[in-house]
N, C-alpha and C. Protein backbone atom coordinates (compact mmCIF):
# COMPACT_ATOMS: atom_id res chain seq x y z
N UNK A 1 0.88 -1.26 0.06
CA UNK A 1 -0.02 0.10 -0.03
C UNK A 1 0.92 1.08 0.01
N UNK A 2 0.51 2.25 -0.72
CA UNK A 2 1.18 3.44 -0.82
C UNK A 2 1.13 4.18 0.57
N UNK A 3 2.25 4.92 0.85
CA UNK A 3 2.09 5.61 2.12
C UNK A 3 1.24 6.79 2.21
N UNK A 4 1.06 7.61 1.17
CA UNK A 4 0.14 8.70 1.03
C UNK A 4 -1.26 8.21 1.21
N UNK A 5 -1.63 7.09 0.54
CA UNK A 5 -2.94 6.56 0.62
C UNK A 5 -3.10 6.24 2.15
N UNK A 6 -2.19 5.62 2.99
CA UNK A 6 -2.39 5.20 4.31
C UNK A 6 -2.59 6.66 5.14
N UNK A 7 -1.77 7.41 4.90
CA UNK A 7 -1.86 8.77 5.66
C UNK A 7 -3.32 9.51 5.46
N UNK A 8 -3.67 9.46 4.07
CA UNK A 8 -4.84 10.24 3.76
C UNK A 8 -6.09 9.24 4.40
N UNK A 9 -6.12 8.10 4.33
CA UNK A 9 -7.06 7.22 5.08
C UNK A 9 -7.21 7.44 6.57
N UNK A 10 -5.92 7.66 7.18
CA UNK A 10 -5.91 7.96 8.60
C UNK A 10 -6.39 9.38 8.87
N UNK A 11 -6.20 10.23 8.04
CA UNK A 11 -6.77 11.53 8.12
C UNK A 11 -8.27 11.64 8.13
N UNK A 12 -8.83 10.62 7.13
CA UNK A 12 -10.33 10.57 7.23
C UNK A 12 -10.73 9.57 8.35
N UNK A 13 -10.10 9.32 9.46
CA UNK A 13 -10.47 8.48 10.39
C UNK A 13 -10.89 7.07 9.92
N UNK A 14 -10.27 6.45 9.01
CA UNK A 14 -10.47 5.04 8.57
C UNK A 14 -9.93 4.04 9.70
N UNK A 15 -10.75 3.36 10.25
CA UNK A 15 -10.08 2.50 11.26
C UNK A 15 -9.05 1.41 10.85
N UNK A 16 -9.18 1.06 9.47
CA UNK A 16 -8.10 0.10 9.17
C UNK A 16 -6.68 0.96 8.97
N UNK A 17 -6.78 2.11 8.62
CA UNK A 17 -5.67 2.97 8.53
C UNK A 17 -5.01 3.15 9.83
N UNK A 18 -5.86 3.65 10.72
CA UNK A 18 -5.26 3.97 12.10
C UNK A 18 -4.59 2.56 12.75
N UNK A 19 -5.39 1.43 12.51
CA UNK A 19 -4.91 0.31 13.10
C UNK A 19 -3.53 -0.08 12.51
N UNK A 20 -3.38 0.07 11.20
CA UNK A 20 -2.09 -0.36 10.52
C UNK A 20 -0.97 0.52 11.03
N UNK A 21 -1.17 1.91 11.27
CA UNK A 21 -0.22 2.77 11.83
C UNK A 21 0.24 2.30 13.16
N UNK A 22 -0.92 2.05 14.10
CA UNK A 22 -0.50 1.51 15.42
C UNK A 22 0.16 0.19 15.51
N UNK A 23 -0.28 -0.70 14.61
CA UNK A 23 0.36 -2.05 14.43
C UNK A 23 1.75 -1.98 14.07
N UNK A 24 2.00 -1.05 12.86
CA UNK A 24 3.47 -1.02 12.36
C UNK A 24 4.36 -0.25 13.16
N UNK A 25 3.86 0.67 13.97
CA UNK A 25 4.94 1.67 14.67
C UNK A 25 4.97 1.52 16.16
N UNK A 26 4.03 0.72 16.72
CA UNK A 26 3.98 0.65 18.26
C UNK A 26 5.28 0.09 18.82
N UNK A 27 5.85 -0.95 18.25
CA UNK A 27 7.13 -1.51 18.72
C UNK A 27 8.37 -0.49 18.77
N UNK A 28 8.40 0.26 17.65
CA UNK A 28 9.45 1.39 17.60
C UNK A 28 9.17 2.43 18.62
N UNK A 29 7.96 2.87 18.84
CA UNK A 29 7.71 3.99 19.78
C UNK A 29 7.77 3.35 21.08
N UNK A 30 7.45 2.11 21.37
CA UNK A 30 7.60 1.57 22.78
C UNK A 30 8.87 1.64 23.30
N UNK A 31 9.95 1.47 22.36
CA UNK A 31 11.25 1.38 22.78
C UNK A 31 11.71 2.85 23.18
N UNK A 32 11.28 3.85 22.49
CA UNK A 32 11.46 5.30 22.83
C UNK A 32 11.03 5.52 24.14
N UNK A 33 9.57 5.23 24.46
CA UNK A 33 8.83 5.49 25.62
C UNK A 33 9.50 4.84 26.64
N UNK A 34 10.04 3.64 26.61
CA UNK A 34 10.79 2.99 27.67
C UNK A 34 11.95 3.58 28.08
N UNK A 35 12.59 4.13 27.44
CA UNK A 35 13.84 4.98 27.65
C UNK A 35 13.57 6.04 28.57
N UNK A 36 12.21 6.67 28.47
CA UNK A 36 11.94 7.84 29.14
C UNK A 36 11.09 7.53 30.44
N UNK A 37 10.75 6.32 30.66
CA UNK A 37 9.99 6.01 31.83
C UNK A 37 10.64 5.27 32.79
N UNK A 38 10.05 5.09 34.05
CA UNK A 38 10.56 4.24 35.20
C UNK A 38 10.16 2.92 35.23
N UNK A 39 8.89 2.67 34.57
CA UNK A 39 8.40 1.15 34.60
C UNK A 39 7.87 0.95 33.18
N UNK A 40 7.64 -0.29 32.84
CA UNK A 40 7.07 -0.66 31.60
C UNK A 40 5.55 -0.16 31.55
N UNK A 41 4.86 -0.01 32.67
CA UNK A 41 3.41 0.33 32.74
C UNK A 41 3.37 1.94 32.28
N UNK A 42 4.57 2.61 32.84
CA UNK A 42 4.69 4.16 32.38
C UNK A 42 4.93 4.19 30.75
N UNK A 43 5.71 3.35 30.32
CA UNK A 43 6.15 3.26 28.98
C UNK A 43 4.80 2.96 28.09
N UNK A 44 4.05 2.07 28.63
CA UNK A 44 2.77 1.69 27.94
C UNK A 44 1.87 2.94 27.88
N UNK A 45 1.80 3.72 28.99
CA UNK A 45 1.06 4.90 29.07
C UNK A 45 1.55 5.94 28.14
N UNK A 46 2.87 6.19 28.05
CA UNK A 46 3.28 7.10 27.29
C UNK A 46 2.97 6.74 25.64
N UNK A 47 3.25 5.36 25.44
CA UNK A 47 2.98 4.85 23.99
C UNK A 47 1.50 5.11 23.70
N UNK A 48 0.60 4.92 24.43
CA UNK A 48 -0.79 4.96 24.28
C UNK A 48 -1.10 6.52 23.93
N UNK A 49 -0.69 7.46 24.79
CA UNK A 49 -0.80 8.96 24.59
C UNK A 49 -0.07 9.47 23.23
N UNK A 50 1.07 8.79 23.05
CA UNK A 50 1.84 9.24 21.91
C UNK A 50 0.96 8.78 20.56
N UNK A 51 0.43 7.58 20.61
CA UNK A 51 -0.28 7.22 19.42
C UNK A 51 -1.67 7.98 19.21
N UNK A 52 -2.40 8.43 20.34
CA UNK A 52 -3.45 9.11 20.35
C UNK A 52 -3.21 10.43 19.64
N UNK A 53 -1.95 11.04 20.15
CA UNK A 53 -1.54 12.34 19.39
C UNK A 53 -1.23 12.25 18.07
N UNK A 54 -0.65 11.10 17.76
CA UNK A 54 -0.19 10.93 16.17
C UNK A 54 -1.46 10.75 15.40
N UNK A 55 -2.31 10.07 15.87
CA UNK A 55 -3.59 9.86 14.99
C UNK A 55 -4.59 11.02 15.07
N UNK A 56 -4.50 11.86 16.16
CA UNK A 56 -5.14 13.05 16.11
C UNK A 56 -4.65 14.18 15.16
N UNK A 57 -3.23 14.01 15.20
CA UNK A 57 -2.61 15.26 14.59
C UNK A 57 -2.15 14.62 13.17
N UNK A 58 -2.60 13.70 12.66
CA UNK A 58 -1.89 13.10 11.40
C UNK A 58 -2.20 13.99 10.11
N UNK A 59 -3.07 14.90 10.27
CA UNK A 59 -3.44 15.88 9.20
C UNK A 59 -2.37 16.84 9.15
N UNK A 60 -1.64 17.00 10.22
CA UNK A 60 -0.56 17.95 10.14
C UNK A 60 0.66 17.42 9.49
N UNK A 61 0.72 16.24 9.21
CA UNK A 61 2.05 15.46 8.66
C UNK A 61 2.02 15.74 7.14
N UNK A 62 2.92 16.35 6.64
CA UNK A 62 2.88 16.73 5.09
C UNK A 62 4.11 16.07 4.37
N UNK A 63 5.02 15.77 5.16
CA UNK A 63 6.44 15.05 4.55
C UNK A 63 6.17 13.61 4.05
N UNK A 64 7.07 13.25 3.25
CA UNK A 64 7.09 11.74 2.99
C UNK A 64 7.23 10.68 4.04
N UNK A 65 7.38 9.44 3.52
CA UNK A 65 7.51 8.26 4.36
C UNK A 65 8.73 8.27 5.04
N UNK A 66 9.80 8.73 4.54
CA UNK A 66 11.04 8.80 5.10
C UNK A 66 11.20 9.63 6.43
N UNK A 67 10.55 10.42 6.64
CA UNK A 67 10.41 11.40 7.76
C UNK A 67 9.41 11.03 8.70
N UNK A 68 8.50 10.02 8.49
CA UNK A 68 7.36 9.78 9.39
C UNK A 68 7.79 9.33 10.90
N UNK A 69 8.84 8.33 10.77
CA UNK A 69 9.23 7.83 12.03
C UNK A 69 9.89 8.95 13.01
N UNK A 70 10.65 9.96 12.28
CA UNK A 70 11.20 10.96 13.05
C UNK A 70 10.01 12.02 13.62
N UNK A 71 9.05 12.11 12.90
CA UNK A 71 7.91 12.89 13.25
C UNK A 71 7.19 12.20 14.52
N UNK A 72 6.99 10.97 14.43
CA UNK A 72 6.30 10.18 15.52
C UNK A 72 7.23 10.16 16.77
N UNK A 73 8.57 9.98 16.38
CA UNK A 73 9.63 9.86 17.75
C UNK A 73 9.41 11.21 18.37
N UNK A 74 9.43 12.29 17.70
CA UNK A 74 9.46 13.62 18.40
C UNK A 74 8.19 13.74 19.15
N UNK A 75 7.04 13.19 18.58
CA UNK A 75 5.81 13.27 19.43
C UNK A 75 5.92 12.51 20.69
N UNK A 76 6.52 11.25 20.59
CA UNK A 76 6.62 10.31 21.75
C UNK A 76 7.49 10.84 22.75
N UNK A 77 8.55 11.45 22.25
CA UNK A 77 9.53 12.12 23.32
C UNK A 77 8.85 13.27 24.06
N UNK A 78 8.14 14.12 23.20
CA UNK A 78 7.30 15.24 23.92
C UNK A 78 6.29 14.67 24.78
N UNK A 79 5.61 13.57 24.47
CA UNK A 79 4.63 13.21 25.61
C UNK A 79 5.30 12.64 26.81
N UNK A 80 6.38 11.92 26.59
CA UNK A 80 7.10 11.33 27.81
C UNK A 80 7.67 12.63 28.62
N UNK A 81 8.18 13.60 28.10
CA UNK A 81 8.63 14.62 28.87
C UNK A 81 7.60 15.55 29.47
N UNK A 82 6.52 15.61 28.65
CA UNK A 82 5.30 16.46 29.26
C UNK A 82 4.71 15.41 30.54
N UNK A 83 4.69 14.31 30.37
CA UNK A 83 4.26 13.53 31.63
C UNK A 83 5.04 13.63 32.80
N UNK A 84 6.28 13.66 32.50
CA UNK A 84 7.31 13.77 33.67
C UNK A 84 7.09 15.21 34.27
N UNK A 85 7.09 16.22 33.52
CA UNK A 85 6.82 17.53 33.97
C UNK A 85 5.35 17.54 34.92
N UNK A 86 4.52 16.89 34.55
CA UNK A 86 3.15 16.86 35.19
C UNK A 86 3.29 16.11 36.70
N UNK A 87 4.20 15.22 36.66
CA UNK A 87 4.34 14.35 37.99
C UNK A 87 4.72 15.31 39.10
N UNK A 88 4.11 15.11 40.39
CA UNK A 88 4.46 16.03 41.37
C UNK A 88 5.67 15.49 42.20
N UNK A 89 6.25 14.45 41.69
CA UNK A 89 7.49 14.08 42.47
C UNK A 89 8.43 13.53 41.47
N UNK A 90 9.74 13.45 41.86
CA UNK A 90 10.76 12.79 41.07
C UNK A 90 11.28 11.59 41.74
N UNK A 91 11.86 10.59 41.00
CA UNK A 91 12.35 9.51 41.51
C UNK A 91 13.94 9.64 41.57
N UNK A 92 14.52 9.85 42.50
CA UNK A 92 15.90 9.86 42.41
C UNK A 92 16.60 8.71 43.19
N UNK A 93 17.65 8.09 42.60
CA UNK A 93 18.40 7.00 43.11
C UNK A 93 19.81 7.48 43.49
N UNK A 94 19.96 7.23 44.96
CA UNK A 94 21.33 7.86 45.41
C UNK A 94 22.29 6.81 45.59
N UNK A 95 23.60 6.95 45.72
CA UNK A 95 24.64 6.06 45.80
C UNK A 95 24.37 5.13 46.96
N UNK A 96 24.55 3.99 46.98
CA UNK A 96 23.97 3.01 48.06
C UNK A 96 22.68 2.33 47.93
N UNK A 97 21.80 2.96 47.16
CA UNK A 97 20.55 2.54 46.95
C UNK A 97 20.39 1.85 45.65
N UNK A 98 21.46 1.83 44.93
CA UNK A 98 21.28 1.21 43.50
C UNK A 98 20.99 -0.30 43.76
N UNK A 99 19.87 -0.62 43.26
CA UNK A 99 19.74 -2.17 43.19
C UNK A 99 19.59 -2.78 41.82
N UNK A 100 20.32 -3.77 41.59
CA UNK A 100 20.30 -4.02 40.09
C UNK A 100 19.31 -5.15 39.79
N UNK A 101 18.75 -5.04 38.52
CA UNK A 101 17.88 -5.83 38.12
C UNK A 101 18.40 -7.23 37.85
N UNK A 102 17.97 -8.35 38.43
CA UNK A 102 18.50 -9.62 38.24
C UNK A 102 18.45 -9.99 36.86
N UNK A 103 17.59 -9.68 36.01
CA UNK A 103 17.46 -10.05 34.77
C UNK A 103 18.59 -9.57 33.81
N UNK A 104 19.50 -8.61 34.36
CA UNK A 104 20.56 -8.02 33.38
C UNK A 104 21.61 -8.61 33.85
N UNK A 105 22.30 -9.53 33.06
CA UNK A 105 23.53 -10.06 33.23
C UNK A 105 24.76 -9.24 33.28
N UNK A 106 25.47 -9.27 34.25
CA UNK A 106 26.62 -8.11 34.33
C UNK A 106 27.69 -8.67 33.31
N UNK A 107 28.16 -7.74 32.43
CA UNK A 107 29.20 -8.22 31.45
C UNK A 107 30.15 -6.99 31.44
N UNK A 108 31.33 -7.41 30.72
CA UNK A 108 32.31 -6.37 30.51
C UNK A 108 31.71 -5.16 29.59
N UNK A 109 32.39 -4.09 29.80
CA UNK A 109 31.91 -2.84 28.88
C UNK A 109 31.94 -3.21 27.55
N UNK A 110 32.86 -3.80 26.96
CA UNK A 110 32.87 -4.10 25.52
C UNK A 110 31.64 -5.09 25.08
N UNK A 111 31.11 -5.87 25.98
CA UNK A 111 30.31 -6.85 25.68
C UNK A 111 28.87 -6.28 26.19
N UNK A 112 28.67 -5.14 26.57
CA UNK A 112 27.35 -4.78 27.01
C UNK A 112 26.38 -4.67 25.77
N UNK A 113 25.25 -5.29 25.94
CA UNK A 113 24.12 -5.23 24.82
C UNK A 113 23.27 -4.06 25.00
N UNK A 114 22.64 -3.64 23.98
CA UNK A 114 21.58 -2.53 24.09
C UNK A 114 20.68 -2.60 25.27
N UNK A 115 20.06 -3.88 25.45
CA UNK A 115 19.14 -4.05 26.69
C UNK A 115 19.79 -3.77 27.95
N UNK A 116 21.06 -4.14 28.12
CA UNK A 116 21.85 -3.83 29.35
C UNK A 116 22.09 -2.32 29.48
N UNK A 117 22.34 -1.70 28.33
CA UNK A 117 22.79 -0.27 28.48
C UNK A 117 21.45 0.39 28.97
N UNK A 118 20.19 0.08 28.26
CA UNK A 118 18.96 0.68 28.59
C UNK A 118 18.70 0.44 30.04
N UNK A 119 18.94 -0.71 30.56
CA UNK A 119 18.66 -1.02 32.04
C UNK A 119 19.48 -0.06 32.89
N UNK A 120 20.81 0.04 32.51
CA UNK A 120 21.61 1.00 33.32
C UNK A 120 21.19 2.44 33.22
N UNK A 121 20.67 2.72 32.12
CA UNK A 121 20.16 4.17 31.99
C UNK A 121 18.93 4.37 33.12
N UNK A 122 18.22 3.38 33.29
CA UNK A 122 17.10 3.54 34.17
C UNK A 122 17.66 3.81 35.58
N UNK A 123 18.83 3.64 35.82
CA UNK A 123 19.25 3.92 37.22
C UNK A 123 19.63 5.41 37.40
N UNK A 124 19.64 6.12 36.24
CA UNK A 124 20.17 7.62 36.30
C UNK A 124 18.96 8.31 36.95
N UNK A 125 19.32 9.43 37.74
CA UNK A 125 18.31 10.27 38.06
C UNK A 125 17.52 10.91 36.93
N UNK A 126 16.34 11.26 37.19
CA UNK A 126 15.24 11.57 36.12
C UNK A 126 15.86 12.60 35.12
N UNK A 127 16.51 13.61 35.67
CA UNK A 127 16.90 14.85 34.60
C UNK A 127 18.15 14.25 33.85
N UNK A 128 18.89 13.63 34.62
CA UNK A 128 20.21 12.90 33.99
C UNK A 128 19.70 12.08 32.83
N UNK A 129 18.92 11.19 33.09
CA UNK A 129 18.27 10.18 32.19
C UNK A 129 17.63 10.93 31.10
N UNK A 130 16.96 12.20 31.22
CA UNK A 130 16.19 12.75 30.00
C UNK A 130 17.35 13.33 29.20
N UNK A 131 18.27 14.06 29.75
CA UNK A 131 19.45 14.59 29.00
C UNK A 131 20.21 13.76 28.24
N UNK A 132 20.47 12.50 29.13
CA UNK A 132 21.25 11.53 28.45
C UNK A 132 20.63 10.81 27.12
N UNK A 133 19.41 10.55 27.30
CA UNK A 133 18.53 10.03 26.20
C UNK A 133 18.45 11.04 25.12
N UNK A 134 18.09 12.27 25.40
CA UNK A 134 17.96 13.08 24.27
C UNK A 134 19.35 13.48 23.55
N UNK A 135 20.28 13.66 24.18
CA UNK A 135 21.64 13.98 23.53
C UNK A 135 22.33 12.80 22.95
N UNK A 136 22.64 11.80 23.76
CA UNK A 136 23.37 10.60 23.39
C UNK A 136 22.53 9.67 22.37
N UNK A 137 21.39 9.47 22.73
CA UNK A 137 20.48 8.41 21.85
C UNK A 137 19.76 8.99 20.90
N UNK A 138 19.16 10.19 21.20
CA UNK A 138 18.18 10.67 20.12
C UNK A 138 18.72 11.88 19.28
N UNK A 139 20.05 12.32 19.63
CA UNK A 139 20.76 13.07 18.90
C UNK A 139 20.45 14.60 18.79
N UNK A 140 19.77 14.98 19.95
CA UNK A 140 19.38 16.54 20.01
C UNK A 140 20.59 17.24 20.42
N UNK A 141 20.37 18.50 20.01
CA UNK A 141 21.65 19.39 20.47
C UNK A 141 21.20 20.11 21.84
N UNK A 142 22.12 20.63 22.44
CA UNK A 142 22.10 21.10 23.72
C UNK A 142 20.96 22.31 23.76
N UNK A 143 20.95 23.18 22.71
CA UNK A 143 20.06 24.17 22.71
C UNK A 143 18.66 23.55 22.47
N UNK A 144 18.37 22.56 21.86
CA UNK A 144 17.17 21.92 21.68
C UNK A 144 16.64 21.27 22.97
N UNK A 145 17.56 20.57 23.74
CA UNK A 145 17.38 20.05 24.94
C UNK A 145 17.01 21.02 26.04
N UNK A 146 17.75 22.16 25.93
CA UNK A 146 17.38 23.35 26.92
C UNK A 146 16.03 23.88 26.86
N UNK A 147 15.54 24.01 25.60
CA UNK A 147 14.24 24.44 25.40
C UNK A 147 13.11 23.41 25.69
N UNK A 148 13.47 22.14 25.54
CA UNK A 148 12.38 20.93 25.69
C UNK A 148 12.23 20.77 27.35
N UNK A 149 13.48 20.72 28.05
CA UNK A 149 13.29 20.58 29.42
C UNK A 149 13.33 21.96 30.33
N UNK A 150 13.32 23.06 29.57
CA UNK A 150 13.16 24.41 30.30
C UNK A 150 14.43 24.69 31.21
N UNK A 151 15.58 24.45 30.70
CA UNK A 151 16.78 24.71 31.33
C UNK A 151 17.85 25.46 30.39
N UNK A 152 18.80 25.86 31.09
CA UNK A 152 19.80 26.73 30.25
C UNK A 152 20.68 25.64 29.41
N UNK A 153 21.45 26.01 28.41
CA UNK A 153 22.33 25.13 27.65
C UNK A 153 23.51 24.58 28.47
N UNK A 154 23.99 25.57 29.33
CA UNK A 154 25.16 25.01 30.26
C UNK A 154 24.61 23.96 31.09
N UNK A 155 23.42 24.11 31.59
CA UNK A 155 22.86 23.14 32.62
C UNK A 155 22.65 21.74 31.85
N UNK A 156 22.33 22.01 30.59
CA UNK A 156 22.25 20.61 29.92
C UNK A 156 23.47 20.10 29.69
N UNK A 157 24.58 20.74 29.47
CA UNK A 157 25.88 20.20 29.30
C UNK A 157 26.36 19.54 30.65
N UNK A 158 26.20 20.41 31.78
CA UNK A 158 26.67 19.80 33.05
C UNK A 158 25.81 18.57 33.23
N UNK A 159 24.51 18.51 33.03
CA UNK A 159 23.84 17.43 33.46
C UNK A 159 24.31 16.20 32.53
N UNK A 160 24.51 16.37 31.32
CA UNK A 160 25.23 15.30 30.63
C UNK A 160 26.39 14.70 30.99
N UNK A 161 27.28 15.71 31.56
CA UNK A 161 28.68 15.24 32.05
C UNK A 161 28.37 14.42 33.29
N UNK A 162 27.34 14.79 34.05
CA UNK A 162 27.12 13.93 35.40
C UNK A 162 26.47 12.68 34.97
N UNK A 163 25.65 12.73 34.01
CA UNK A 163 25.04 11.38 33.65
C UNK A 163 26.10 10.42 33.07
N UNK A 164 27.16 10.91 32.23
CA UNK A 164 28.05 10.12 31.75
C UNK A 164 28.92 9.41 32.83
N UNK A 165 29.24 10.50 33.90
CA UNK A 165 30.04 9.96 34.97
C UNK A 165 29.24 8.80 35.86
N UNK A 166 28.02 9.03 36.07
CA UNK A 166 27.17 8.15 36.76
C UNK A 166 27.10 6.74 35.91
N UNK A 167 26.88 6.78 34.59
CA UNK A 167 26.97 5.62 33.78
C UNK A 167 28.34 4.87 33.89
N UNK A 168 29.20 5.59 33.83
CA UNK A 168 30.59 4.99 33.96
C UNK A 168 30.63 4.25 35.40
N UNK A 169 30.28 4.85 36.33
CA UNK A 169 30.17 4.23 37.92
C UNK A 169 29.38 2.95 37.68
N UNK A 170 28.29 3.16 37.03
CA UNK A 170 27.25 2.03 37.06
C UNK A 170 27.88 0.70 36.30
N UNK A 171 28.47 0.94 35.10
CA UNK A 171 29.18 -0.01 34.31
C UNK A 171 30.21 -0.60 35.07
N UNK A 172 30.92 0.23 35.86
CA UNK A 172 32.19 -0.36 36.59
C UNK A 172 31.62 -1.23 37.82
N UNK A 173 30.38 -0.81 38.41
CA UNK A 173 29.85 -1.45 39.36
C UNK A 173 29.40 -2.94 38.97
N UNK A 174 28.66 -2.72 37.65
CA UNK A 174 28.30 -4.05 37.03
C UNK A 174 29.35 -5.04 36.77
N UNK A 175 30.57 -4.48 36.32
CA UNK A 175 31.58 -5.30 36.04
C UNK A 175 32.19 -5.92 37.28
N UNK A 176 32.32 -5.09 38.23
CA UNK A 176 32.82 -5.58 39.73
C UNK A 176 31.90 -6.78 40.13
N UNK A 177 30.58 -6.68 40.02
CA UNK A 177 29.76 -7.63 40.53
C UNK A 177 29.80 -9.07 39.72
N UNK A 178 30.23 -8.82 38.30
CA UNK A 178 30.49 -9.98 37.55
C UNK A 178 31.84 -10.66 37.99
N UNK A 179 32.76 -9.85 38.44
CA UNK A 179 34.05 -10.43 38.77
C UNK A 179 33.90 -11.11 40.17
N UNK A 180 33.27 -10.38 41.08
CA UNK A 180 33.11 -10.92 42.45
C UNK A 180 32.34 -12.29 42.35
N UNK A 181 31.40 -12.23 41.51
CA UNK A 181 30.64 -13.52 41.36
C UNK A 181 31.45 -14.63 40.81
N UNK A 182 32.34 -14.31 39.74
CA UNK A 182 33.13 -15.31 39.18
C UNK A 182 34.28 -15.86 40.12
N UNK A 183 34.47 -15.07 41.27
CA UNK A 183 35.49 -15.73 42.06
C UNK A 183 34.96 -16.72 43.22
N UNK A 184 33.50 -16.58 43.42
CA UNK A 184 32.86 -17.53 44.26
C UNK A 184 33.04 -18.90 43.96
């Protein structure tokens, strides 16, 4: 099926077109939502809200198929950040409180997989996680991050530096656990 026909049908609220968009792009958007959330349930909420926004605003999309994923990604990130701003609390993890997910096998830095890195990112404090995701993974510039998170560019840079240092410590601790377990 031609992409323009799909978009046109979705604009006309055709259920089959909306379903196809949801089915085709949900796994991709869930991965993004998961990076910005604390739990799988939060990620599912973000995904649902993002999909509703995408379907409701599809009439605004005028580019080709090649930019559709980027447009949806931006919506998903904005939904995730908006949800975090609306929360009345933040979840911070302090040194000594870090608990490792038993489902993540500790491995050496050069052998870390994507799922293991994502699991470690979850241990970053909220603002550090957002900046780390936006800059390192999603490729936004500090000027864009500053606007999205309502902070200064220098604050974005400092937060990224702290996030990188925290990730290095988490990776080191993960490796230390692996070595300690191998000595038993």
